C-alpha atoms as a PDB file:
ATOM      1  CA  MET A   1     -54.110  20.697-113.682  1.00  0.00           C
ATOM      2  CA  LEU A   2     -51.908  23.529-115.191  1.00  0.00           C
ATOM      3  CA  VAL A   3     -50.996  26.579-114.126  1.00  0.00           C
ATOM      4  CA  GLU A   4     -50.271  29.788-116.862  1.00  0.00           C
ATOM      5  CA  THR A   5     -48.948  27.481-120.077  1.00  0.00           C
ATOM      6  CA  SER A   6     -48.160  29.764-122.216  1.00  0.00           C
ATOM      7  CA  HIS A   7     -48.201  27.419-125.334  1.00  0.00           C
ATOM      8  CA  PRO A   8     -51.510  25.612-126.675  1.00  0.00           C
ATOM      9  CA  GLY A   9     -49.824  22.881-127.874  1.00  0.00           C
ATOM     10  CA  ASN A  10     -48.511  22.045-124.613  1.00  0.00           C
ATOM     11  CA  ILE A  11     -51.991  21.894-123.336  1.00  0.00           C
ATOM     12  CA  GLY A  12     -53.070  19.838-126.159  1.00  0.00           C
ATOM     13  CA  ALA A  13     -50.549  17.322-125.656  1.00  0.00           C
ATOM     14  CA  ALA A  14     -51.191  17.312-122.233  1.00  0.00           C
ATOM     15  CA  ALA A  15     -54.910  16.571-122.941  1.00  0.00           C
ATOM     16  CA  ARG A  16     -53.661  13.502-125.297  1.00  0.00           C
ATOM     17  CA  ALA A  17     -51.608  12.336-122.334  1.00  0.00           C
ATOM     18  CA  MET A  18     -54.369  11.825-120.410  1.00  0.00           C
ATOM     19  CA  LYS A  19     -56.540  10.286-122.906  1.00  0.00           C
ATOM     20  CA  ASN A  20     -53.822   7.519-123.365  1.00  0.00           C
ATOM     21  CA  MET A  21     -54.154   6.824-119.680  1.00  0.00           C
ATOM     22  CA  GLY A  22     -57.774   7.152-119.221  1.00  0.00           C
ATOM     23  CA  LEU A  23     -57.477  10.472-117.361  1.00  0.00           C
ATOM     24  CA  SER A  24     -60.021  13.193-118.321  1.00  0.00           C
ATOM     25  CA  LYS A  25     -60.388  16.249-115.569  1.00  0.00           C
ATOM     26  CA  LEU A  26     -58.658  18.890-116.957  1.00  0.00           C
ATOM     27  CA  LEU A  27     -58.138  21.790-115.072  1.00  0.00           C
ATOM     28  CA  LEU A  28     -56.625  25.209-116.188  1.00  0.00           C
ATOM     29  CA  VAL A  29     -55.012  28.067-113.875  1.00  0.00           C
ATOM     30  CA  GLN A  30     -54.358  30.979-116.334  1.00  0.00           C
ATOM     31  CA  PRO A  31     -54.098  29.747-118.744  1.00  0.00           C
ATOM     32  CA  CYS A  32     -53.045  31.362-122.541  1.00  0.00           C
ATOM     33  CA  ASP A  33     -55.441  31.439-125.222  1.00  0.00           C
ATOM     34  CA  TYR A  34     -55.209  27.893-126.078  1.00  0.00           C
ATOM     35  CA  LYS A  35     -58.682  26.735-127.727  1.00  0.00           C
ATOM     36  CA  ASN A  36     -56.751  27.185-131.555  1.00  0.00           C
ATOM     37  CA  ASN A  37     -55.865  24.899-134.433  1.00  0.00           C
ATOM     38  CA  GLU A  38     -52.444  24.231-132.587  1.00  0.00           C
ATOM     39  CA  CYS A  39     -53.979  22.811-129.654  1.00  0.00           C
ATOM     40  CA  TYR A  40     -56.448  20.869-131.477  1.00  0.00           C
ATOM     41  CA  ALA A  41     -53.992  19.273-133.439  1.00  0.00           C
ATOM     42  CA  ARG A  42     -51.666  18.060-130.604  1.00  0.00           C
ATOM     43  CA  ALA A  43     -54.416  16.930-128.782  1.00  0.00           C
ATOM     44  CA  SER A  44     -54.993  14.336-131.442  1.00  0.00           C
ATOM     45  CA  GLY A  45     -58.009  13.010-130.508  1.00  0.00           C
ATOM     46  CA  ALA A  46     -58.463  14.135-126.993  1.00  0.00           C
ATOM     47  CA  GLU A  47     -60.307  17.422-128.157  1.00  0.00           C
ATOM     48  CA  ASP A  48     -63.425  16.367-125.876  1.00  0.00           C
ATOM     49  CA  ILE A  49     -60.772  16.793-122.735  1.00  0.00           C
ATOM     50  CA  ILE A  50     -59.907  20.496-123.726  1.00  0.00           C
ATOM     51  CA  ASP A  51     -63.422  21.277-124.466  1.00  0.00           C
ATOM     52  CA  THR A  52     -64.299  20.136-121.289  1.00  0.00           C
ATOM     53  CA  ALA A  53     -61.467  22.061-119.356  1.00  0.00           C
ATOM     54  CA  VAL A  54     -61.991  24.059-116.317  1.00  0.00           C
ATOM     55  CA  VAL A  55     -60.385  27.243-116.375  1.00  0.00           C
ATOM     56  CA  PHE A  56     -59.918  29.195-112.733  1.00  0.00           C
ATOM     57  CA  ASP A  57     -57.883  32.373-111.994  1.00  0.00           C
ATOM     58  CA  ASP A  58     -55.866  31.383-109.388  1.00  0.00           C
ATOM     59  CA  LEU A  59     -54.221  28.138-107.999  1.00  0.00           C
ATOM     60  CA  ALA A  60     -56.269  28.615-104.537  1.00  0.00           C
ATOM     61  CA  SER A  61     -59.178  28.541-106.115  1.00  0.00           C
ATOM     62  CA  ALA A  62     -58.356  25.508-108.533  1.00  0.00           C
ATOM     63  CA  VAL A  63     -57.539  23.222-105.636  1.00  0.00           C
ATOM     64  CA  ALA A  64     -59.989  24.427-102.955  1.00  0.00           C
ATOM     65  CA  GLU A  65     -61.879  21.127-102.767  1.00  0.00           C
ATOM     66  CA  SER A  66     -59.226  18.775-103.343  1.00  0.00           C
ATOM     67  CA  THR A  67     -58.228  17.278-100.088  1.00  0.00           C
ATOM     68  CA  LEU A  68     -54.618  16.061-101.793  1.00  0.00           C
ATOM     69  CA  VAL A  69     -52.740  18.653-103.864  1.00  0.00           C
ATOM     70  CA  ILE A  70     -48.825  17.303-105.506  1.00  0.00           C
ATOM     71  CA  GLY A  71     -47.316  20.044-106.886  1.00  0.00           C
ATOM     72  CA  THR A  72     -44.490  19.388-109.659  1.00  0.00           C
ATOM     73  CA  SER A  73     -41.289  20.942-109.533  1.00  0.00           C
ATOM     74  CA  ALA A  74     -37.544  20.478-111.453  1.00  0.00           C
ATOM     75  CA  ARG A  75     -35.915  21.852-108.745  1.00  0.00           C
ATOM     76  CA  LEU A  76     -35.592  21.159-105.035  1.00  0.00           C
ATOM     77  CA  ARG A  77     -36.113  23.873-102.440  1.00  0.00           C
ATOM     78  CA  SER A  78     -34.508  25.079 -99.733  1.00  0.00           C
ATOM     79  CA  LEU A  79     -36.776  24.072 -97.494  1.00  0.00           C
ATOM     80  CA  ALA A  80     -37.140  20.869 -97.911  1.00  0.00           C
ATOM     81  CA  TRP A  81     -41.101  19.702 -98.755  1.00  0.00           C
ATOM     82  CA  PRO A  82     -42.398  15.925 -98.571  1.00  0.00           C
ATOM     83  CA  GLN A  83     -40.950  14.449-101.534  1.00  0.00           C
ATOM     84  CA  LEU A  84     -42.475  12.022-103.710  1.00  0.00           C
ATOM     85  CA  ASN A  85     -41.609  10.221-107.677  1.00  0.00           C
ATOM     86  CA  PRO A  86     -44.035   9.098-109.906  1.00  0.00           C
ATOM     87  CA  ARG A  87     -44.481   5.835-108.633  1.00  0.00           C
ATOM     88  CA  GLU A  88     -45.172   7.254-105.135  1.00  0.00           C
ATOM     89  CA  CYS A  89     -47.564   9.807-106.198  1.00  0.00           C
ATOM     90  CA  ALA A  90     -49.172   7.426-108.270  1.00  0.00           C
ATOM     91  CA  GLU A  91     -49.747   5.467-105.209  1.00  0.00           C
ATOM     92  CA  THR A  92     -50.568   8.343-103.069  1.00  0.00           C
ATOM     93  CA  VAL A  93     -53.142   9.762-105.211  1.00  0.00           C
ATOM     94  CA  ALA A  94     -54.434   6.086-105.559  1.00  0.00           C
ATOM     95  CA  VAL A  95     -54.833   5.460-101.698  1.00  0.00           C
ATOM     96  CA  HIS A  96     -56.162   9.057-101.130  1.00  0.00           C
ATOM     97  CA  SER A  97     -59.203   8.107-103.784  1.00  0.00           C
ATOM     98  CA  ASN A  98     -59.792   4.893-102.080  1.00  0.00           C
ATOM     99  CA  GLN A  99     -60.478   7.416 -99.202  1.00  0.00           C
ATOM    100  CA  SER A 100     -63.108   9.128-101.002  1.00  0.00           C
ATOM    101  CA  GLY A 101     -60.597  12.288-101.683  1.00  0.00           C
ATOM    102  CA  THR A 102     -59.605  14.298-104.437  1.00  0.00           C
ATOM    103  CA  ALA A 103     -56.476  14.402-105.413  1.00  0.00           C
ATOM    104  CA  SER A 104     -54.982  16.914-107.730  1.00  0.00           C
ATOM    105  CA  VAL A 105     -52.075  16.652-109.590  1.00  0.00           C
ATOM    106  CA  VAL A 106     -50.442  20.373-110.073  1.00  0.00           C
ATOM    107  CA  PHE A 107     -47.962  20.937-113.295  1.00  0.00           C
ATOM    108  CA  GLY A 108     -46.448  24.981-113.615  1.00  0.00           C
ATOM    109  CA  ARG A 109     -45.218  27.024-115.853  1.00  0.00           C
ATOM    110  CA  GLU A 110     -42.769  25.781-119.123  1.00  0.00           C
ATOM    111  CA  ARG A 111     -40.013  28.508-117.450  1.00  0.00           C
ATOM    112  CA  SER A 112     -40.322  29.096-113.894  1.00  0.00           C
ATOM    113  CA  GLY A 113     -42.376  25.739-113.044  1.00  0.00           C
ATOM    114  CA  LEU A 114     -44.637  26.483-109.528  1.00  0.00           C
ATOM    115  CA  SER A 115     -43.951  29.607-106.951  1.00  0.00           C
ATOM    116  CA  ASN A 116     -42.769  29.135-103.742  1.00  0.00           C
ATOM    117  CA  SER A 117     -46.633  30.557-102.448  1.00  0.00           C
ATOM    118  CA  GLU A 118     -48.106  28.050-105.028  1.00  0.00           C
ATOM    119  CA  LEU A 119     -46.088  25.521-103.590  1.00  0.00           C
ATOM    120  CA  ALA A 120     -47.175  26.371-100.118  1.00  0.00           C
ATOM    121  CA  LEU A 121     -50.711  25.148-101.236  1.00  0.00           C
ATOM    122  CA  CYS A 122     -49.182  21.425-101.919  1.00  0.00           C
ATOM    123  CA  SER A 123     -48.922  18.588 -99.527  1.00  0.00           C
ATOM    124  CA  SER A 124     -45.951  16.681-101.261  1.00  0.00           C
ATOM    125  CA  LEU A 125     -43.396  17.986-104.118  1.00  0.00           C
ATOM    126  CA  LEU A 126     -43.196  15.646-107.113  1.00  0.00           C
ATOM    127  CA  HIS A 127     -39.893  15.442-108.595  1.00  0.00           C
ATOM    128  CA  ILE A 128     -39.432  13.526-111.923  1.00  0.00           C
ATOM    129  CA  PRO A 129     -35.889  12.365-111.516  1.00  0.00           C
ATOM    130  CA  THR A 130     -33.651  12.295-114.712  1.00  0.00           C
ATOM    131  CA  VAL A 131     -29.855  11.855-115.329  1.00  0.00           C
ATOM    132  CA  ALA A 132     -27.598  14.319-113.471  1.00  0.00           C
ATOM    133  CA  GLY A 133     -27.113  17.361-115.071  1.00  0.00           C
ATOM    134  CA  PHE A 134     -29.885  18.017-117.434  1.00  0.00           C
ATOM    135  CA  SER A 135     -33.795  18.780-116.105  1.00  0.00           C
ATOM    136  CA  SER A 136     -35.722  20.020-119.231  1.00  0.00           C
ATOM    137  CA  LEU A 137     -38.898  17.889-119.334  1.00  0.00           C
ATOM    138  CA  ASN A 138     -41.668  19.444-121.465  1.00  0.00           C
ATOM    139  CA  VAL A 139     -44.725  19.986-119.537  1.00  0.00           C
ATOM    140  CA  ALA A 140     -46.598  17.221-121.570  1.00  0.00           C
ATOM    141  CA  ALA A 141     -43.842  14.746-121.357  1.00  0.00           C
ATOM    142  CA  ALA A 142     -43.742  15.317-117.475  1.00  0.00           C
ATOM    143  CA  VAL A 143     -47.994  14.952-117.551  1.00  0.00           C
ATOM    144  CA  GLN A 144     -47.494  12.207-119.534  1.00  0.00           C
ATOM    145  CA  VAL A 145     -44.853  10.264-117.269  1.00  0.00           C
ATOM    146  CA  VAL A 146     -47.538  10.623-114.143  1.00  0.00           C
ATOM    147  CA  ALA A 147     -50.383   9.638-115.905  1.00  0.00           C
ATOM    148  CA  TYR A 148     -48.848   6.528-117.057  1.00  0.00           C
ATOM    149  CA  GLU A 149     -48.247   5.444-113.451  1.00  0.00           C
ATOM    150  CA  LEU A 150     -51.720   6.599-111.992  1.00  0.00           C
ATOM    151  CA  MET A 151     -52.896   4.331-114.814  1.00  0.00           C
ATOM    152  CA  MET A 152     -50.199   1.668-113.741  1.00  0.00           C
ATOM    153  CA  VAL A 153     -51.628   2.054-110.067  1.00  0.00           C
ATOM    154  CA  SER A 154     -54.921   2.303-110.412  1.00  0.00           C
ATOM    155  CA  SER A 155     -55.027  -1.641-112.307  1.00  0.00           C
ATOM    156  CA  SER A 156     -53.152  -3.099-109.382  1.00  0.00           C
ATOM    157  CA  GLU A 157     -54.693  -4.736-106.919  1.00  0.00           C
ATOM    158  CA  THR A 158     -52.168  -3.911-104.479  1.00  0.00           C
ATOM    159  CA  VAL A 159     -53.745  -0.647-102.962  1.00  0.00           C
ATOM    160  CA  ARG A 160     -53.457  -0.086 -99.977  1.00  0.00           C
ATOM    161  CA  GLU A 161     -56.725   0.572 -97.791  1.00  0.00           C
ATOM    162  CA  ASP A 162     -55.598   1.998 -94.565  1.00  0.00           C
ATOM    163  CA  VAL A 163     -57.678   4.945 -93.414  1.00  0.00           C
ATOM    164  CA  ASP A 164     -61.503   5.038 -93.280  1.00  0.00           C
ATOM    165  CA  GLU A 165     -61.455   8.790 -92.435  1.00  0.00           C
ATOM    166  CA  LEU A 166     -61.975  11.318 -94.472  1.00  0.00           C
ATOM    167  CA  PRO A 167     -59.307  14.055 -95.598  1.00  0.00           C
ATOM    168  CA  VAL A 168     -59.548  17.659 -95.331  1.00  0.00           C
ATOM    169  CA  PRO A 169     -60.412  19.870 -98.360  1.00  0.00           C
ATOM    170  CA  GLN A 170     -57.636  22.359 -99.307  1.00  0.00           C
ATOM    171  CA  SER A 171     -60.108  25.179 -98.388  1.00  0.00           C
ATOM    172  CA  ASP A 172     -60.803  23.628 -95.066  1.00  0.00           C
ATOM    173  CA  MET A 173     -56.948  23.986 -94.517  1.00  0.00           C
ATOM    174  CA  GLU A 174     -56.462  27.255 -95.745  1.00  0.00           C
ATOM    175  CA  ARG A 175     -59.102  28.189 -93.146  1.00  0.00           C
ATOM    176  CA  PHE A 176     -57.044  26.382 -90.663  1.00  0.00           C
ATOM    177  CA  TYR A 177     -53.838  27.970 -90.966  1.00  0.00           C
ATOM    178  CA  GLU A 178     -56.048  31.733 -90.850  1.00  0.00           C
ATOM    179  CA  HIS A 179     -57.290  30.281 -87.510  1.00  0.00           C
ATOM    180  CA  LEU A 180     -53.729  28.998 -86.157  1.00  0.00           C
ATOM    181  CA  PHE A 181     -51.459  31.874 -87.201  1.00  0.00           C
ATOM    182  CA  SER A 182     -54.223  34.570 -85.819  1.00  0.00           C
ATOM    183  CA  VAL A 183     -53.796  32.604 -82.340  1.00  0.00           C
ATOM    184  CA  LEU A 184     -50.272  32.346 -82.784  1.00  0.00           C
ATOM    185  CA  THR A 185     -50.121  35.980 -82.584  1.00  0.00           C
ATOM    186  CA  PHE A 186     -52.482  36.633 -80.306  1.00  0.00           C
ATOM    187  CA  VAL A 187     -50.374  34.695 -77.589  1.00  0.00           C
ATOM    188  CA  GLY A 188     -47.602  36.428 -78.829  1.00  0.00           C
ATOM    189  CA  TYR A 189     -45.409  33.240 -80.538  1.00  0.00           C
ATOM    190  CA  HIS A 190     -45.654  34.577 -84.298  1.00  0.00           C
ATOM    191  CA  ASP A 191     -44.629  37.732 -85.256  1.00  0.00           C
ATOM    192  CA  PRO A 192     -46.559  38.443 -88.833  1.00  0.00           C
ATOM    193  CA  ASP A 193     -43.895  41.200 -89.692  1.00  0.00           C
ATOM    194  CA  ASN A 194     -41.117  39.343 -89.450  1.00  0.00           C
ATOM    195  CA  PRO A 195     -42.522  35.817 -90.116  1.00  0.00           C
ATOM    196  CA  ARG A 196     -39.349  34.109 -91.131  1.00  0.00           C
ATOM    197  CA  GLN A 197     -40.076  30.746 -91.801  1.00  0.00           C
ATOM    198  CA  LEU A 198     -42.501  29.629 -89.419  1.00  0.00           C
ATOM    199  CA  PRO A 199     -45.612  30.127 -91.677  1.00  0.00           C
ATOM    200  CA  LEU A 200     -43.725  27.469 -94.312  1.00  0.00           C
ATOM    201  CA  ARG A 201     -42.443  24.836 -91.388  1.00  0.00           C
ATOM    202  CA  MET A 202     -45.948  25.091 -89.953  1.00  0.00           C
ATOM    203  CA  ARG A 203     -47.619  24.048 -93.509  1.00  0.00           C
ATOM    204  CA  ARG A 204     -45.089  21.745 -93.753  1.00  0.00           C
ATOM    205  CA  LEU A 205     -45.878  19.678 -90.875  1.00  0.00           C
ATOM    206  CA  PHE A 206     -49.581  19.707 -91.391  1.00  0.00           C
ATOM    207  CA  ASN A 207     -48.829  18.876 -94.824  1.00  0.00           C
ATOM    208  CA  ARG A 208     -47.012  15.777 -93.742  1.00  0.00           C
ATOM    209  CA  ALA A 209     -49.189  14.683 -90.933  1.00  0.00           C
ATOM    210  CA  GLN A 210     -52.270  15.162 -93.550  1.00  0.00           C
ATOM    211  CA  PRO A 211     -55.132  15.465 -90.304  1.00  0.00           C
ATOM    212  CA  ASN A 212     -58.590  13.776 -91.333  1.00  0.00           C
ATOM    213  CA  ARG A 213     -61.986  15.819 -90.790  1.00  0.00           C
ATOM    214  CA  SER A 214     -62.400  14.343 -87.034  1.00  0.00           C
ATOM    215  CA  GLU A 215     -58.483  15.453 -86.280  1.00  0.00           C
ATOM    216  CA  MET A 216     -58.970  19.036 -87.968  1.00  0.00           C
ATOM    217  CA  GLN A 217     -62.476  19.565 -85.654  1.00  0.00           C
ATOM    218  CA  VAL A 218     -60.157  18.439 -82.604  1.00  0.00           C
ATOM    219  CA  LEU A 219     -57.360  21.299 -83.540  1.00  0.00           C
ATOM    220  CA  ARG A 220     -59.735  23.976 -84.457  1.00  0.00           C
ATOM    221  CA  GLY A 221     -61.327  23.246 -81.149  1.00  0.00           C
ATOM    222  CA  PHE A 222     -58.217  23.713 -79.586  1.00  0.00           C
ATOM    223  CA  LEU A 223     -57.371  26.796 -81.217  1.00  0.00           C
ATOM    224  CA  ALA A 224     -60.640  28.445 -80.103  1.00  0.00           C
ATOM    225  CA  ALA A 225     -60.280  26.987 -76.377  1.00  0.00           C
ATOM    226  CA  VAL A 226     -56.922  28.645 -76.852  1.00  0.00           C
ATOM    227  CA  GLU A 227     -58.738  31.931 -77.801  1.00  0.00           C
ATOM    228  CA  LYS A 228     -61.456  31.559 -75.170  1.00  0.00           C
ATOM    229  CA  LYS A 229     -59.040  31.285 -72.408  1.00  0.00           C
ATOM    230  CA  ARG A 230     -56.682  34.197 -73.246  1.00  0.00           C
ATOM    231  CA  ARG A 231     -59.774  36.452 -73.047  1.00  0.00           C
END
């Protein structure tokens, strides 16, 4: 998934990288006007991926049905997020796919990457290591690295299958966060006018836990019981 890509050639090159590694589903969030000669030339045989790419108005809509969202970033954030390298990312996606989940790997803008609010929608942060003092991967090159690792893991027989519960779609997680902070505000623990880092810390906690659907029912039931008791 590419967010606000500004150069058509990068979209074409990303499609080419995907097709070389057996990937075909490209999602775009507010892309530039990309269906032009430069894009198709850089796709170099992956025109079908360009033609079938799905465009969204915002990242929240694009990942609504995803049960695992991994965001890429060249820089680490002040509030540490669960972090993966490309191989760990591929292994995580493979395990998730074996659980009938839908995984999305999100690549940000060429100049500024993903915003903090967009990373808040992600369960983990993918960081591609580079030599000290220089970190300037082209977005299509980053897609190539991750796509290669995904192909290598998918062809391996060592993928773990350790969970049999269905994961929770991102849209359900967003509804849970709305419910959670409504209750935390209701009981006086959360001040919406002065939240500090509580929302990000709570997201980090549940991103790390990755509750499945039955566990989410328990959490939502608990929140509902708190609301009922307080009333």
